[in-house]
């Protein structure tokens, strides 16, 4: 007599769709990115010396160029150049 409390391992089951609920790719809001980049750049422009501690300097040097990738290339290149210029000025000191 076959056991009825065990599922049949060879029975044909409908397999659920594996990618039906795949998350939608994240797209940053260019206006929010632009605002954040301009805020960081304004802080740098207003300062006579580095306005951030070493951890923030390292973070901004890494994140600022990455954030520009959400913007049109010409605008991104201009912002990266401005940021690099301000960082060079601040590191050189007064």
Protein backbone atom coordinates (compact mmCIF):
# COMPACT_ATOMS: atom_id res chain seq x y z
CA UNK A 1 0.00 0.00 0.00
CA UNK A 2 1.54 3.38 -1.02
CA UNK A 3 2.00 6.06 1.58
CA UNK A 4 -0.19 9.10 1.05
CA UNK A 5 1.58 11.48 3.44
CA UNK A 6 4.63 11.92 1.18
CA UNK A 7 4.54 14.04 -1.97
CA UNK A 8 5.22 12.34 -5.26
CA UNK A 9 8.73 13.49 -6.24
CA UNK A 10 8.20 12.57 -9.87
CA UNK A 11 4.83 14.20 -10.38
CA UNK A 12 4.75 16.97 -12.93
CA UNK A 13 4.36 20.30 -11.08
CA UNK A 14 4.04 23.72 -12.53
CA UNK A 15 7.31 25.48 -11.69
CA UNK A 16 6.84 29.08 -10.63
CA UNK A 17 8.31 31.71 -12.89
CA UNK A 18 11.75 32.52 -11.51
CA UNK A 19 12.06 36.05 -12.88
CA UNK A 20 8.46 37.24 -12.70
CA UNK A 21 9.11 39.31 -9.59
CA UNK A 22 12.61 40.57 -10.45
CA UNK A 23 13.20 44.02 -8.99
CA UNK A 24 13.12 46.98 -11.30
CA UNK A 25 16.52 48.58 -11.88
CA UNK A 26 17.15 51.63 -9.73
CA UNK A 27 17.31 54.96 -11.54
CA UNK A 28 18.48 57.91 -9.52
CA UNK A 29 16.61 61.19 -9.89
CA UNK A 30 19.03 63.44 -11.84
CA UNK A 31 17.65 66.56 -10.13
CA UNK A 32 18.37 65.16 -6.66
CA UNK A 33 21.83 64.00 -7.73
CA UNK A 34 22.56 67.40 -9.27
CA UNK A 35 21.42 69.20 -6.12
CA UNK A 36 23.62 67.03 -3.90
CA UNK A 37 26.66 67.51 -6.14
CA UNK A 38 26.18 71.28 -6.24
CA UNK A 39 25.84 71.33 -2.44
CA UNK A 40 29.16 69.52 -2.00
CA UNK A 41 30.80 71.77 -4.58
CA UNK A 42 29.44 74.91 -2.89
CA UNK A 43 30.89 73.79 0.44
CA UNK A 44 34.29 73.32 -1.20
CA UNK A 45 34.15 76.68 -3.00
CA UNK A 46 33.22 78.55 0.18
CA UNK A 47 36.08 77.06 2.20
CA UNK A 48 39.63 78.33 2.59
CA UNK A 49 40.84 74.95 3.86
CA UNK A 50 39.36 71.46 3.61
CA UNK A 51 35.94 71.78 5.26
CA UNK A 52 35.65 68.04 5.96
CA UNK A 53 37.48 65.50 8.06
CA UNK A 54 39.66 62.86 6.37
CA UNK A 55 36.82 60.33 6.20
CA UNK A 56 34.52 62.76 4.37
CA UNK A 57 37.30 63.83 2.00
CA UNK A 58 37.89 60.19 1.10
CA UNK A 59 34.16 59.60 0.72
CA UNK A 60 33.61 62.63 -1.51
CA UNK A 61 36.63 61.81 -3.68
CA UNK A 62 35.09 58.40 -4.29
CA UNK A 63 31.39 59.18 -4.45
CA UNK A 64 31.38 62.52 -6.28
CA UNK A 65 32.65 61.09 -9.61
CA UNK A 66 30.34 58.09 -9.28
CA UNK A 67 27.30 60.29 -8.67
CA UNK A 68 28.04 62.29 -11.82
CA UNK A 69 27.43 59.14 -13.87
CA UNK A 70 23.68 59.71 -13.39
CA UNK A 71 23.93 63.01 -15.30
CA UNK A 72 24.49 63.82 -18.99
CA UNK A 73 28.16 63.29 -19.88
CA UNK A 74 29.03 66.92 -20.64
CA UNK A 75 27.51 68.13 -17.36
CA UNK A 76 29.14 65.27 -15.47
CA UNK A 77 32.57 66.08 -16.89
CA UNK A 78 32.17 69.75 -15.99
CA UNK A 79 31.20 68.91 -12.39
CA UNK A 80 34.08 66.46 -12.00
CA UNK A 81 36.52 69.07 -13.30
CA UNK A 82 35.15 71.71 -10.91
CA UNK A 83 35.34 69.32 -7.97
CA UNK A 84 38.89 68.22 -8.81
CA UNK A 85 39.94 71.86 -9.17
CA UNK A 86 38.48 72.80 -5.78
CA UNK A 87 40.06 69.80 -4.10
CA UNK A 88 43.46 70.70 -5.58
CA UNK A 89 43.04 74.29 -4.34
CA UNK A 90 42.04 73.17 -0.85
CA UNK A 91 44.83 70.63 -0.53
CA UNK A 92 47.42 73.19 -1.68
CA UNK A 93 46.25 75.45 1.16
CA UNK A 94 46.23 79.22 1.44
